[in-house]
Structure formats: C-alpha cells, structure tokens
N, C-alpha and C. Protein backbone atom coordinates (compact mmCIF):
# COMPACT_ATOMS: atom_id res chain seq x y z
N MET A 1 20.95 219.66 18.15
CA MET A 1 20.97 221.00 18.71
C MET A 1 22.38 221.59 18.54
N LYS A 2 22.42 222.83 18.08
CA LYS A 2 23.69 223.47 17.81
C LYS A 2 24.40 223.83 19.12
N ARG A 3 25.70 223.54 19.18
CA ARG A 3 26.46 223.81 20.39
C ARG A 3 26.96 225.24 20.42
N THR A 4 27.06 225.77 21.63
CA THR A 4 27.63 227.10 21.79
C THR A 4 29.15 227.02 21.64
N VAL A 5 29.77 228.16 21.43
CA VAL A 5 31.24 228.21 21.32
C VAL A 5 31.87 227.73 22.62
N ARG A 6 31.29 228.11 23.75
CA ARG A 6 31.82 227.71 25.05
C ARG A 6 31.79 226.19 25.20
N GLU A 7 30.67 225.57 24.85
CA GLU A 7 30.56 224.12 24.98
C GLU A 7 31.52 223.40 24.04
N THR A 8 31.65 223.92 22.82
CA THR A 8 32.58 223.32 21.86
C THR A 8 34.01 223.37 22.38
N LEU A 9 34.41 224.52 22.90
CA LEU A 9 35.77 224.66 23.44
C LEU A 9 35.98 223.75 24.64
N LEU A 10 34.96 223.64 25.49
CA LEU A 10 35.06 222.79 26.67
C LEU A 10 35.20 221.32 26.26
N ARG A 11 34.45 220.91 25.25
CA ARG A 11 34.54 219.53 24.77
C ARG A 11 35.92 219.26 24.17
N VAL A 12 36.48 220.23 23.48
CA VAL A 12 37.82 220.06 22.90
C VAL A 12 38.87 219.94 24.02
N LEU A 13 38.71 220.75 25.07
CA LEU A 13 39.64 220.67 26.21
C LEU A 13 39.55 219.32 26.90
N ILE A 14 38.32 218.80 27.05
CA ILE A 14 38.14 217.47 27.64
C ILE A 14 38.78 216.42 26.74
N LEU A 15 38.60 216.57 25.42
CA LEU A 15 39.23 215.65 24.47
C LEU A 15 40.75 215.66 24.63
N LEU A 16 41.34 216.85 24.73
CA LEU A 16 42.79 216.96 24.87
C LEU A 16 43.28 216.33 26.17
N ALA A 17 42.49 216.48 27.24
CA ALA A 17 42.85 215.84 28.51
C ALA A 17 42.82 214.32 28.35
N GLY A 18 41.76 213.80 27.72
CA GLY A 18 41.67 212.37 27.49
C GLY A 18 42.77 211.87 26.58
N LEU A 19 43.10 212.68 25.58
CA LEU A 19 44.16 212.32 24.63
C LEU A 19 45.51 212.23 25.35
N THR A 20 45.75 213.15 26.28
CA THR A 20 47.00 213.14 27.04
C THR A 20 47.08 211.89 27.92
N ILE A 21 45.97 211.56 28.60
CA ILE A 21 45.93 210.35 29.43
C ILE A 21 46.16 209.11 28.56
N ALA A 22 45.45 209.05 27.43
CA ALA A 22 45.57 207.88 26.54
C ALA A 22 47.00 207.69 26.07
N HIS A 23 47.67 208.79 25.73
CA HIS A 23 49.03 208.67 25.20
C HIS A 23 50.08 208.47 26.29
N LEU A 24 49.71 208.75 27.54
CA LEU A 24 50.55 208.30 28.64
C LEU A 24 50.55 206.77 28.65
N GLY A 25 49.36 206.19 28.46
CA GLY A 25 49.25 204.73 28.36
C GLY A 25 50.01 204.18 27.17
N VAL A 26 49.90 204.85 26.04
CA VAL A 26 50.62 204.40 24.84
C VAL A 26 52.13 204.44 25.08
N THR A 27 52.60 205.49 25.78
CA THR A 27 54.03 205.61 26.07
C THR A 27 54.52 204.45 26.92
N LEU A 28 53.75 204.11 27.97
CA LEU A 28 54.11 202.96 28.81
C LEU A 28 54.12 201.68 27.98
N PHE A 29 53.11 201.55 27.13
CA PHE A 29 53.01 200.39 26.25
C PHE A 29 54.26 200.27 25.37
N LEU A 30 54.67 201.39 24.78
CA LEU A 30 55.83 201.38 23.88
C LEU A 30 57.13 201.16 24.63
N LEU A 31 57.26 201.77 25.83
CA LEU A 31 58.49 201.60 26.62
C LEU A 31 58.67 200.17 27.10
N ALA A 32 57.54 199.45 27.26
CA ALA A 32 57.66 198.04 27.63
C ALA A 32 58.35 197.23 26.55
N ASP A 33 58.32 197.73 25.32
CA ASP A 33 59.04 197.13 24.19
C ASP A 33 58.67 195.66 23.97
N LEU A 34 57.35 195.41 23.94
CA LEU A 34 56.87 194.04 23.72
C LEU A 34 56.03 193.93 22.45
N GLY A 35 56.17 194.92 21.57
CA GLY A 35 55.44 194.89 20.31
C GLY A 35 54.70 196.19 20.06
N ALA A 36 54.48 196.52 18.81
CA ALA A 36 53.77 197.74 18.45
C ALA A 36 52.28 197.60 18.73
N ASP A 37 51.59 198.74 18.86
CA ASP A 37 50.14 198.71 19.00
C ASP A 37 49.51 198.28 17.68
N PRO A 38 48.27 197.78 17.69
CA PRO A 38 47.66 197.22 16.47
C PRO A 38 47.66 198.16 15.27
N PHE A 39 47.35 199.43 15.47
CA PHE A 39 47.30 200.35 14.34
C PHE A 39 48.67 200.50 13.69
N ASN A 40 49.71 200.55 14.52
CA ASN A 40 51.05 200.72 13.96
C ASN A 40 51.60 199.45 13.32
N VAL A 41 51.06 198.28 13.68
CA VAL A 41 51.40 197.07 12.94
C VAL A 41 50.86 197.20 11.51
N LEU A 42 49.64 197.71 11.40
CA LEU A 42 49.05 197.96 10.08
C LEU A 42 49.87 198.98 9.30
N VAL A 43 50.22 200.08 9.96
CA VAL A 43 51.02 201.14 9.31
C VAL A 43 52.36 200.58 8.85
N GLN A 44 53.00 199.79 9.72
CA GLN A 44 54.30 199.20 9.38
C GLN A 44 54.20 198.28 8.17
N GLY A 45 53.15 197.45 8.15
CA GLY A 45 52.97 196.54 7.03
C GLY A 45 52.75 197.28 5.72
N ILE A 46 51.90 198.31 5.74
CA ILE A 46 51.64 199.10 4.53
C ILE A 46 52.89 199.84 4.10
N PHE A 47 53.61 200.41 5.07
CA PHE A 47 54.84 201.13 4.77
C PHE A 47 55.87 200.23 4.08
N ARG A 48 56.06 199.04 4.62
CA ARG A 48 57.04 198.11 4.05
C ARG A 48 56.61 197.65 2.65
N THR A 49 55.31 197.43 2.47
CA THR A 49 54.82 196.97 1.17
C THR A 49 54.97 198.05 0.10
N VAL A 50 54.58 199.28 0.45
CA VAL A 50 54.60 200.38 -0.52
C VAL A 50 56.03 200.83 -0.82
N SER A 51 56.88 200.88 0.23
CA SER A 51 58.23 201.42 0.04
C SER A 51 59.19 200.42 -0.60
N GLU A 52 58.87 199.14 -0.55
CA GLU A 52 59.79 198.13 -1.06
C GLU A 52 60.00 198.26 -2.57
N GLY A 53 61.19 198.64 -2.93
CA GLY A 53 61.55 198.71 -4.35
C GLY A 53 60.98 199.90 -5.09
N THR A 54 60.34 200.85 -4.39
CA THR A 54 59.76 201.99 -5.10
C THR A 54 60.75 203.13 -5.26
N GLY A 55 61.74 203.16 -4.37
CA GLY A 55 62.69 204.27 -4.42
C GLY A 55 62.11 205.56 -3.88
N TRP A 56 61.05 205.49 -3.10
CA TRP A 56 60.44 206.69 -2.52
C TRP A 56 61.19 207.05 -1.24
N GLU A 57 62.27 207.80 -1.39
CA GLU A 57 63.09 208.15 -0.22
C GLU A 57 62.32 208.98 0.79
N ALA A 58 61.35 209.76 0.30
CA ALA A 58 60.61 210.66 1.19
C ALA A 58 59.57 209.91 2.04
N LEU A 59 59.25 208.68 1.65
CA LEU A 59 58.24 207.92 2.38
C LEU A 59 58.82 207.40 3.69
N THR A 60 58.16 207.69 4.79
CA THR A 60 58.59 207.22 6.10
C THR A 60 57.40 206.58 6.82
N HIS A 61 57.69 205.93 7.92
CA HIS A 61 56.63 205.33 8.73
C HIS A 61 55.65 206.42 9.19
N GLY A 62 56.21 207.58 9.60
CA GLY A 62 55.37 208.68 10.07
C GLY A 62 54.43 209.20 9.00
N TYR A 63 54.96 209.39 7.79
CA TYR A 63 54.12 209.88 6.70
C TYR A 63 53.06 208.85 6.32
N THR A 64 53.42 207.58 6.39
CA THR A 64 52.45 206.52 6.10
C THR A 64 51.32 206.55 7.13
N HIS A 65 51.67 206.75 8.40
CA HIS A 65 50.69 206.86 9.48
C HIS A 65 49.70 207.98 9.18
N ILE A 66 50.23 209.15 8.83
CA ILE A 66 49.38 210.31 8.52
C ILE A 66 48.49 210.02 7.32
N ALA A 67 49.07 209.40 6.29
CA ALA A 67 48.32 209.10 5.06
C ALA A 67 47.14 208.17 5.35
N ILE A 68 47.36 207.14 6.18
CA ILE A 68 46.28 206.21 6.50
C ILE A 68 45.20 206.91 7.31
N CYS A 69 45.60 207.78 8.24
CA CYS A 69 44.62 208.54 9.02
C CYS A 69 43.75 209.39 8.11
N PHE A 70 44.36 210.08 7.17
CA PHE A 70 43.60 210.93 6.26
C PHE A 70 42.76 210.11 5.28
N LEU A 71 43.22 208.90 4.96
CA LEU A 71 42.43 208.01 4.11
C LEU A 71 41.15 207.59 4.85
N ILE A 72 41.29 207.27 6.14
CA ILE A 72 40.12 206.91 6.95
C ILE A 72 39.14 208.08 7.00
N ILE A 73 39.66 209.29 7.20
CA ILE A 73 38.80 210.48 7.22
C ILE A 73 38.10 210.65 5.88
N ALA A 74 38.84 210.48 4.78
CA ALA A 74 38.26 210.64 3.44
C ALA A 74 37.13 209.65 3.19
N VAL A 75 37.34 208.40 3.60
CA VAL A 75 36.30 207.37 3.42
C VAL A 75 35.05 207.74 4.22
N LEU A 76 35.25 208.19 5.46
CA LEU A 76 34.11 208.52 6.32
C LEU A 76 33.37 209.77 5.85
N LEU A 77 34.05 210.64 5.14
CA LEU A 77 33.37 211.81 4.58
C LEU A 77 32.31 211.38 3.57
N PHE A 78 32.52 210.22 2.93
CA PHE A 78 31.54 209.67 1.99
C PHE A 78 30.52 208.78 2.71
N VAL A 79 30.98 208.03 3.74
CA VAL A 79 30.10 207.09 4.43
C VAL A 79 29.16 207.82 5.38
N ASP A 80 29.73 208.60 6.29
CA ASP A 80 28.93 209.35 7.27
C ASP A 80 29.81 210.44 7.86
N ARG A 81 29.69 211.64 7.35
CA ARG A 81 30.59 212.73 7.75
C ARG A 81 30.33 213.23 9.17
N SER A 82 29.24 212.78 9.81
CA SER A 82 28.94 213.24 11.16
C SER A 82 29.98 212.77 12.17
N TYR A 83 30.77 211.74 11.80
CA TYR A 83 31.80 211.23 12.71
C TYR A 83 33.08 212.07 12.66
N ILE A 84 33.20 212.91 11.65
CA ILE A 84 34.39 213.75 11.51
C ILE A 84 34.13 215.08 12.21
N LYS A 85 34.85 215.32 13.31
CA LYS A 85 34.61 216.51 14.12
C LYS A 85 35.90 217.28 14.33
N ILE A 86 35.77 218.41 15.00
CA ILE A 86 36.92 219.31 15.17
C ILE A 86 38.10 218.62 15.85
N GLY A 87 37.80 217.70 16.78
CA GLY A 87 38.88 217.04 17.50
C GLY A 87 39.51 215.87 16.77
N THR A 88 38.92 215.47 15.64
CA THR A 88 39.45 214.31 14.91
C THR A 88 40.89 214.56 14.47
N LEU A 89 41.12 215.71 13.88
CA LEU A 89 42.48 216.04 13.44
C LEU A 89 43.41 216.22 14.62
N LEU A 90 42.90 216.79 15.73
CA LEU A 90 43.74 216.94 16.93
C LEU A 90 44.23 215.59 17.41
N CYS A 91 43.32 214.60 17.41
CA CYS A 91 43.69 213.25 17.85
C CYS A 91 44.79 212.66 16.98
N MET A 92 44.74 212.96 15.71
CA MET A 92 45.65 212.32 14.77
C MET A 92 46.99 213.03 14.64
N ILE A 93 47.05 214.32 15.01
CA ILE A 93 48.32 215.04 14.85
C ILE A 93 49.02 215.30 16.19
N CYS A 94 48.30 215.18 17.31
CA CYS A 94 48.89 215.51 18.61
C CYS A 94 49.53 214.31 19.30
N GLY A 95 49.15 213.09 18.88
CA GLY A 95 49.63 211.89 19.57
C GLY A 95 51.14 211.78 19.61
N GLY A 96 51.78 211.98 18.47
CA GLY A 96 53.25 211.87 18.38
C GLY A 96 53.98 212.78 19.34
N PRO A 97 53.69 214.10 19.32
CA PRO A 97 54.37 215.00 20.26
C PRO A 97 54.11 214.66 21.73
N ILE A 98 52.89 214.22 22.06
CA ILE A 98 52.59 213.85 23.45
C ILE A 98 53.43 212.65 23.88
N ILE A 99 53.53 211.65 22.99
CA ILE A 99 54.34 210.47 23.30
C ILE A 99 55.81 210.86 23.46
N ASP A 100 56.30 211.73 22.58
CA ASP A 100 57.70 212.20 22.69
C ASP A 100 57.94 212.87 24.04
N PHE A 101 56.97 213.67 24.47
CA PHE A 101 57.08 214.38 25.74
C PHE A 101 57.19 213.39 26.90
N PHE A 102 56.27 212.42 26.95
CA PHE A 102 56.28 211.45 28.04
C PHE A 102 57.52 210.55 27.97
N THR A 103 57.93 210.19 26.76
CA THR A 103 59.11 209.32 26.61
C THR A 103 60.36 210.01 27.15
N TYR A 104 60.45 211.32 26.92
CA TYR A 104 61.60 212.09 27.39
C TYR A 104 61.73 212.02 28.91
N PHE A 105 60.59 212.12 29.61
CA PHE A 105 60.61 212.15 31.06
C PHE A 105 60.53 210.77 31.71
N MET A 106 60.10 209.77 30.95
CA MET A 106 59.92 208.43 31.53
C MET A 106 60.94 207.42 31.02
N GLY A 107 61.75 207.84 30.06
CA GLY A 107 62.70 206.91 29.45
C GLY A 107 63.68 206.30 30.43
N PHE A 108 63.95 207.02 31.54
CA PHE A 108 64.92 206.51 32.53
C PHE A 108 64.46 205.19 33.14
N LEU A 109 63.14 204.95 33.15
CA LEU A 109 62.63 203.70 33.71
C LEU A 109 63.13 202.49 32.94
N PHE A 110 63.48 202.73 31.68
CA PHE A 110 63.88 201.62 30.82
C PHE A 110 65.30 201.81 30.30
N ALA A 111 66.08 202.62 31.03
CA ALA A 111 67.47 202.84 30.62
C ALA A 111 68.27 201.55 30.69
N ALA A 112 67.93 200.71 31.65
CA ALA A 112 68.61 199.41 31.79
C ALA A 112 67.69 198.32 31.25
N GLU A 113 68.28 197.20 30.90
CA GLU A 113 67.50 196.07 30.41
C GLU A 113 66.61 195.55 31.53
N ARG A 114 65.33 195.40 31.23
CA ARG A 114 64.36 194.96 32.23
C ARG A 114 63.86 193.56 31.90
N SER A 115 63.45 192.85 32.94
CA SER A 115 62.94 191.50 32.74
C SER A 115 61.51 191.55 32.24
N LEU A 116 61.05 190.42 31.73
CA LEU A 116 59.67 190.31 31.24
C LEU A 116 58.68 190.56 32.36
N TRP A 117 59.02 190.17 33.59
CA TRP A 117 58.13 190.34 34.73
C TRP A 117 57.98 191.81 35.12
N PHE A 118 58.93 192.63 34.72
CA PHE A 118 58.80 194.08 34.90
C PHE A 118 57.99 194.68 33.75
N LYS A 119 58.24 194.20 32.56
CA LYS A 119 57.62 194.79 31.38
C LYS A 119 56.12 194.49 31.27
N LEU A 120 55.72 193.27 31.64
CA LEU A 120 54.31 192.89 31.50
C LEU A 120 53.37 193.76 32.34
N PRO A 121 53.68 194.03 33.63
CA PRO A 121 52.80 194.94 34.39
C PRO A 121 52.77 196.35 33.80
N VAL A 122 53.91 196.82 33.29
CA VAL A 122 53.96 198.14 32.66
C VAL A 122 53.07 198.15 31.41
N LEU A 123 53.16 197.07 30.64
CA LEU A 123 52.33 196.92 29.45
C LEU A 123 50.84 196.93 29.81
N ALA A 124 50.47 196.14 30.83
CA ALA A 124 49.07 196.07 31.26
C ALA A 124 48.58 197.42 31.76
N ALA A 125 49.42 198.11 32.56
CA ALA A 125 49.06 199.43 33.06
C ALA A 125 48.87 200.41 31.90
N GLY A 126 49.76 200.31 30.91
CA GLY A 126 49.65 201.17 29.74
C GLY A 126 48.34 200.96 28.99
N CYS A 127 47.94 199.69 28.84
CA CYS A 127 46.69 199.38 28.14
C CYS A 127 45.48 199.91 28.88
N VAL A 128 45.49 199.79 30.22
CA VAL A 128 44.37 200.27 31.03
C VAL A 128 44.28 201.80 30.97
N ILE A 129 45.42 202.48 31.11
CA ILE A 129 45.43 203.95 31.04
C ILE A 129 45.01 204.41 29.65
N LEU A 130 45.49 203.72 28.62
CA LEU A 130 45.09 204.02 27.25
C LEU A 130 43.58 203.90 27.09
N ALA A 131 43.01 202.80 27.59
CA ALA A 131 41.57 202.57 27.46
C ALA A 131 40.77 203.65 28.18
N PHE A 132 41.22 204.03 29.38
CA PHE A 132 40.52 205.08 30.13
C PHE A 132 40.57 206.41 29.39
N GLY A 133 41.75 206.78 28.93
CA GLY A 133 41.89 208.05 28.22
C GLY A 133 41.06 208.10 26.96
N MET A 134 41.03 207.00 26.22
CA MET A 134 40.30 207.01 24.95
C MET A 134 38.79 207.09 25.18
N THR A 135 38.29 206.55 26.33
CA THR A 135 36.85 206.68 26.60
C THR A 135 36.47 208.12 26.92
N ILE A 136 37.38 208.86 27.56
CA ILE A 136 37.13 210.28 27.79
C ILE A 136 37.08 211.02 26.45
N VAL A 137 38.01 210.66 25.55
CA VAL A 137 38.02 211.26 24.22
C VAL A 137 36.70 210.97 23.50
N ILE A 138 36.26 209.72 23.54
CA ILE A 138 35.02 209.33 22.86
C ILE A 138 33.83 210.09 23.44
N LYS A 139 33.73 210.15 24.77
CA LYS A 139 32.59 210.78 25.41
C LYS A 139 32.63 212.30 25.37
N SER A 140 33.80 212.87 25.02
CA SER A 140 33.84 214.32 24.81
C SER A 140 33.01 214.71 23.60
N ASP A 141 32.80 213.73 22.71
CA ASP A 141 32.04 213.93 21.48
C ASP A 141 32.59 215.08 20.65
N ALA A 142 33.93 215.16 20.61
CA ALA A 142 34.58 216.21 19.83
C ALA A 142 35.51 215.62 18.77
N GLY A 143 35.54 214.27 18.67
CA GLY A 143 36.42 213.62 17.71
C GLY A 143 37.15 212.45 18.35
N THR A 144 37.72 211.56 17.53
CA THR A 144 38.47 210.41 18.04
C THR A 144 39.65 210.10 17.14
N GLY A 145 40.50 209.18 17.61
CA GLY A 145 41.63 208.71 16.82
C GLY A 145 41.20 207.64 15.83
N PRO A 146 42.13 207.12 15.01
CA PRO A 146 41.77 206.21 13.91
C PRO A 146 41.13 204.90 14.34
N ASN A 147 41.70 204.22 15.35
CA ASN A 147 41.12 202.95 15.79
C ASN A 147 39.69 203.13 16.28
N ASP A 148 39.50 204.13 17.15
CA ASP A 148 38.19 204.37 17.73
C ASP A 148 37.19 204.85 16.69
N LEU A 149 37.67 205.64 15.74
CA LEU A 149 36.81 206.16 14.69
C LEU A 149 36.21 205.01 13.88
N VAL A 150 37.05 204.09 13.46
CA VAL A 150 36.58 202.92 12.70
C VAL A 150 35.64 202.07 13.55
N ALA A 151 36.04 201.81 14.81
CA ALA A 151 35.24 200.97 15.70
C ALA A 151 33.90 201.61 16.02
N LEU A 152 33.88 202.92 16.21
CA LEU A 152 32.62 203.62 16.52
C LEU A 152 31.63 203.52 15.38
N VAL A 153 32.12 203.74 14.16
CA VAL A 153 31.24 203.68 12.99
C VAL A 153 30.64 202.28 12.84
N ILE A 154 31.51 201.26 12.92
CA ILE A 154 31.04 199.87 12.78
C ILE A 154 30.07 199.52 13.91
N SER A 155 30.40 199.95 15.14
CA SER A 155 29.55 199.66 16.29
C SER A 155 28.17 200.31 16.13
N ASP A 156 28.14 201.56 15.73
CA ASP A 156 26.87 202.27 15.58
C ASP A 156 26.03 201.70 14.44
N LYS A 157 26.68 201.36 13.34
CA LYS A 157 25.94 200.86 12.18
C LYS A 157 25.46 199.43 12.38
N SER A 158 26.24 198.63 13.11
CA SER A 158 25.90 197.21 13.30
C SER A 158 25.16 196.95 14.61
N HIS A 159 25.19 197.95 15.52
CA HIS A 159 24.57 197.85 16.84
C HIS A 159 25.23 196.79 17.73
N PHE A 160 26.49 196.46 17.41
CA PHE A 160 27.26 195.61 18.30
C PHE A 160 27.94 196.48 19.35
N LYS A 161 28.27 195.88 20.50
CA LYS A 161 28.94 196.61 21.56
C LYS A 161 30.29 197.14 21.06
N PHE A 162 30.60 198.38 21.46
CA PHE A 162 31.86 198.99 21.05
C PHE A 162 33.05 198.16 21.50
N SER A 163 33.00 197.61 22.73
CA SER A 163 34.13 196.86 23.26
C SER A 163 34.46 195.64 22.39
N ILE A 164 33.41 194.98 21.87
CA ILE A 164 33.62 193.82 21.00
C ILE A 164 34.17 194.26 19.65
N VAL A 165 33.57 195.31 19.10
CA VAL A 165 34.00 195.79 17.78
C VAL A 165 35.44 196.28 17.83
N ARG A 166 35.81 196.93 18.92
CA ARG A 166 37.19 197.44 19.03
C ARG A 166 38.19 196.28 18.99
N VAL A 167 37.89 195.18 19.65
CA VAL A 167 38.77 194.00 19.61
C VAL A 167 38.87 193.48 18.17
N ILE A 168 37.73 193.39 17.48
CA ILE A 168 37.72 192.89 16.10
C ILE A 168 38.54 193.79 15.19
N VAL A 169 38.39 195.10 15.35
CA VAL A 169 39.14 196.07 14.54
C VAL A 169 40.63 195.93 14.80
N ASP A 170 41.02 195.87 16.09
CA ASP A 170 42.44 195.77 16.42
C ASP A 170 43.06 194.47 15.90
N VAL A 171 42.35 193.37 16.09
CA VAL A 171 42.85 192.08 15.59
C VAL A 171 42.94 192.12 14.06
N GLY A 172 41.96 192.76 13.42
CA GLY A 172 41.99 192.90 11.97
C GLY A 172 43.19 193.71 11.49
N PHE A 173 43.48 194.81 12.21
CA PHE A 173 44.65 195.62 11.86
C PHE A 173 45.93 194.79 11.97
N VAL A 174 46.04 194.01 13.04
CA VAL A 174 47.24 193.18 13.24
C VAL A 174 47.36 192.14 12.13
N ALA A 175 46.25 191.49 11.80
CA ALA A 175 46.27 190.44 10.77
C ALA A 175 46.68 191.00 9.42
N VAL A 176 46.06 192.12 9.02
CA VAL A 176 46.38 192.73 7.72
C VAL A 176 47.82 193.24 7.72
N GLY A 177 48.21 193.90 8.80
CA GLY A 177 49.58 194.42 8.90
C GLY A 177 50.61 193.31 8.81
N PHE A 178 50.35 192.19 9.49
CA PHE A 178 51.27 191.06 9.46
C PHE A 178 51.38 190.48 8.05
N LEU A 179 50.26 190.32 7.37
CA LEU A 179 50.25 189.79 6.01
C LEU A 179 51.02 190.69 5.04
N LEU A 180 51.05 191.98 5.36
CA LEU A 180 51.76 192.94 4.50
C LEU A 180 53.22 193.12 4.90
N GLY A 181 53.65 192.42 5.95
CA GLY A 181 55.05 192.48 6.34
C GLY A 181 55.32 193.17 7.66
N GLY A 182 54.28 193.55 8.38
CA GLY A 182 54.46 194.16 9.68
C GLY A 182 54.84 193.13 10.72
N SER A 183 55.42 193.56 11.83
CA SER A 183 55.81 192.64 12.89
C SER A 183 55.12 193.04 14.18
N PHE A 184 54.92 192.05 15.05
CA PHE A 184 54.26 192.32 16.32
C PHE A 184 54.81 191.39 17.38
N GLY A 185 54.44 191.69 18.64
CA GLY A 185 54.90 190.86 19.76
C GLY A 185 53.76 190.58 20.71
N ILE A 186 54.12 190.04 21.87
CA ILE A 186 53.11 189.69 22.86
C ILE A 186 52.31 190.91 23.30
N GLY A 187 52.97 192.07 23.35
CA GLY A 187 52.29 193.30 23.75
C GLY A 187 51.20 193.69 22.78
N THR A 188 51.41 193.43 21.50
CA THR A 188 50.40 193.74 20.48
C THR A 188 49.14 192.93 20.73
N ILE A 189 49.31 191.64 21.02
CA ILE A 189 48.17 190.76 21.26
C ILE A 189 47.44 191.18 22.53
N VAL A 190 48.21 191.49 23.59
CA VAL A 190 47.60 191.93 24.84
C VAL A 190 46.77 193.20 24.60
N CYS A 191 47.35 194.14 23.87
CA CYS A 191 46.67 195.40 23.58
C CYS A 191 45.39 195.16 22.77
N ALA A 192 45.49 194.33 21.75
CA ALA A 192 44.34 194.08 20.88
C ALA A 192 43.19 193.43 21.63
N CYS A 193 43.51 192.57 22.59
CA CYS A 193 42.47 191.83 23.31
C CYS A 193 42.01 192.53 24.58
N LEU A 194 42.84 193.41 25.14
CA LEU A 194 42.54 194.01 26.44
C LEU A 194 41.88 195.37 26.36
N VAL A 195 42.32 196.22 25.42
CA VAL A 195 41.85 197.61 25.39
C VAL A 195 40.34 197.71 25.18
N GLY A 196 39.78 196.91 24.27
CA GLY A 196 38.35 196.97 24.00
C GLY A 196 37.50 196.67 25.23
N PRO A 197 37.71 195.51 25.89
CA PRO A 197 36.93 195.20 27.10
C PRO A 197 37.11 196.22 28.22
N VAL A 198 38.35 196.70 28.43
CA VAL A 198 38.57 197.69 29.48
C VAL A 198 37.86 199.00 29.13
N ALA A 199 37.89 199.37 27.86
CA ALA A 199 37.17 200.57 27.42
C ALA A 199 35.67 200.41 27.65
N GLY A 200 35.15 199.21 27.41
CA GLY A 200 33.73 198.94 27.67
C GLY A 200 33.38 199.15 29.13
N PHE A 201 34.31 198.82 30.03
CA PHE A 201 34.11 199.04 31.46
C PHE A 201 34.11 200.54 31.79
N PHE A 202 35.02 201.29 31.18
CA PHE A 202 35.18 202.70 31.50
C PHE A 202 34.15 203.62 30.81
N LEU A 203 33.59 203.21 29.68
CA LEU A 203 32.73 204.10 28.90
C LEU A 203 31.60 204.74 29.70
N PRO A 204 30.77 203.98 30.43
CA PRO A 204 29.69 204.63 31.18
C PRO A 204 30.22 205.54 32.28
N ARG A 205 31.34 205.19 32.89
CA ARG A 205 31.93 206.01 33.95
C ARG A 205 32.50 207.30 33.37
N SER A 206 33.12 207.20 32.20
CA SER A 206 33.66 208.39 31.55
C SER A 206 32.54 209.32 31.08
N GLU A 207 31.42 208.73 30.67
CA GLU A 207 30.27 209.54 30.25
C GLU A 207 29.76 210.37 31.43
N LYS A 208 29.67 209.77 32.60
CA LYS A 208 29.23 210.50 33.79
C LYS A 208 30.20 211.62 34.12
N LEU A 209 31.51 211.32 34.00
CA LEU A 209 32.54 212.31 34.30
C LEU A 209 32.45 213.48 33.34
N VAL A 210 32.34 213.19 32.04
CA VAL A 210 32.28 214.25 31.04
C VAL A 210 31.01 215.08 31.21
N ASN A 211 29.89 214.43 31.46
CA ASN A 211 28.63 215.17 31.66
C ASN A 211 28.72 216.09 32.87
N LYS A 212 29.41 215.63 33.92
CA LYS A 212 29.58 216.46 35.11
C LYS A 212 30.45 217.68 34.79
N LEU A 213 31.49 217.48 33.98
CA LEU A 213 32.37 218.59 33.60
C LEU A 213 31.65 219.59 32.69
N LEU A 214 30.70 219.10 31.92
CA LEU A 214 29.98 219.97 31.00
C LEU A 214 28.80 220.69 31.64
N SER A 215 28.36 220.20 32.81
CA SER A 215 27.18 220.78 33.46
C SER A 215 27.49 222.10 34.17
C-alpha cells in the first residue's frame, strides 16, 4: 500500500530520532576507547589494505567508510531494491556529525585517564543504547545503516532470527577486517556479541512504540 506524504515524513522523523539515540550509544562506545565497532574494524582493514603502497593521498578512513556503504547499497539494488529506502542514505551520512556533536559535549567525561572498571560499564551502556536506537530505526521502516541492512536482508531471506544474524554479521566484519589489517579490542567483541541479542529484546517493544507514534 502506497504511503502518504505525511506518513513518510513521520517515519523519517522517527528514523532520525532512533538514529540520534543509536549514535549516542556509539559515542559512549567510542569514548570508552576499548576498540572500534565491528563495521569500522572492517573499514579500517580495507582502508589499510587498499591504501598501502598505492600513493592515494586522497583516500581516508572516512572516504573508505562511505565507499563501502555505497557498495552495499549498489549490491542490494541488484539483490532486492526494496530494502533501499529514503532513510538509508540518512543513516549513512548523518552518523558522523551526530557522533561529533555528542563527543563535543561528552568528551569531558574522558578528559582524564579512566580505569577499565569505569570504561566497561560505559561500553555496556553504549551497546544497549545503540541496540535500542537501531531497533527504532529498523521499525520506522524508512531505512537502516550498513550493519542492519546486511543483517536484515540475510535474516529475511534465510528466516533466521535477526538477533542471531546480526551477531554473525558483526563477527564476520571483525574477522575480515582483522585479516585485512584492522585492529580491535575487548569493546569490539562485546559490541559484536551484545548488540544483536539486546536488539532482539527491544525489537517487539520498539515496534509497539513506532506503531503508537504512527497511529
């Protein structure tokens, strides 16, 4: 059924709210400084592999991130274009500025060297907030970010639970990124193993919330 302009705009606004919540979690995750998130381990590995000895001065981690996102979109345009929606590009281009915004206001929490016992709860909180925000994005049905986009397609096509597929995708990103020269830490492993199950817990609750906002 074709959506009205009002419903489309409302779904995009819900997506942006979820995206903001998710990237608050990502910011906490990054400020804990215990390793990159799984997707960025992949990006780092590809960036190091491609840039090594090529002399491509213009190539940066950021440009590599964008290139991989657009590659995923390009592949899905051939596989199943129904997953590419208006909010897909928003998810992929708005994350950086949102993280910069939160980092600016929250950086004071980590101005001094913190112990592991301080960082681990921050990391866990970041993963939970990230998982909650991303489920709102998913249930807005207006688009998703790269990790969720890949996991959603595999989950729908294979009929496996999204929470399980998300863990497999994240672990796969870490493994490939590491083999290509990317680095990771304890936070990367926590994120890869925790976000999927927590998202599985939040998905039905976020669906009820989004449906209530749309009614």
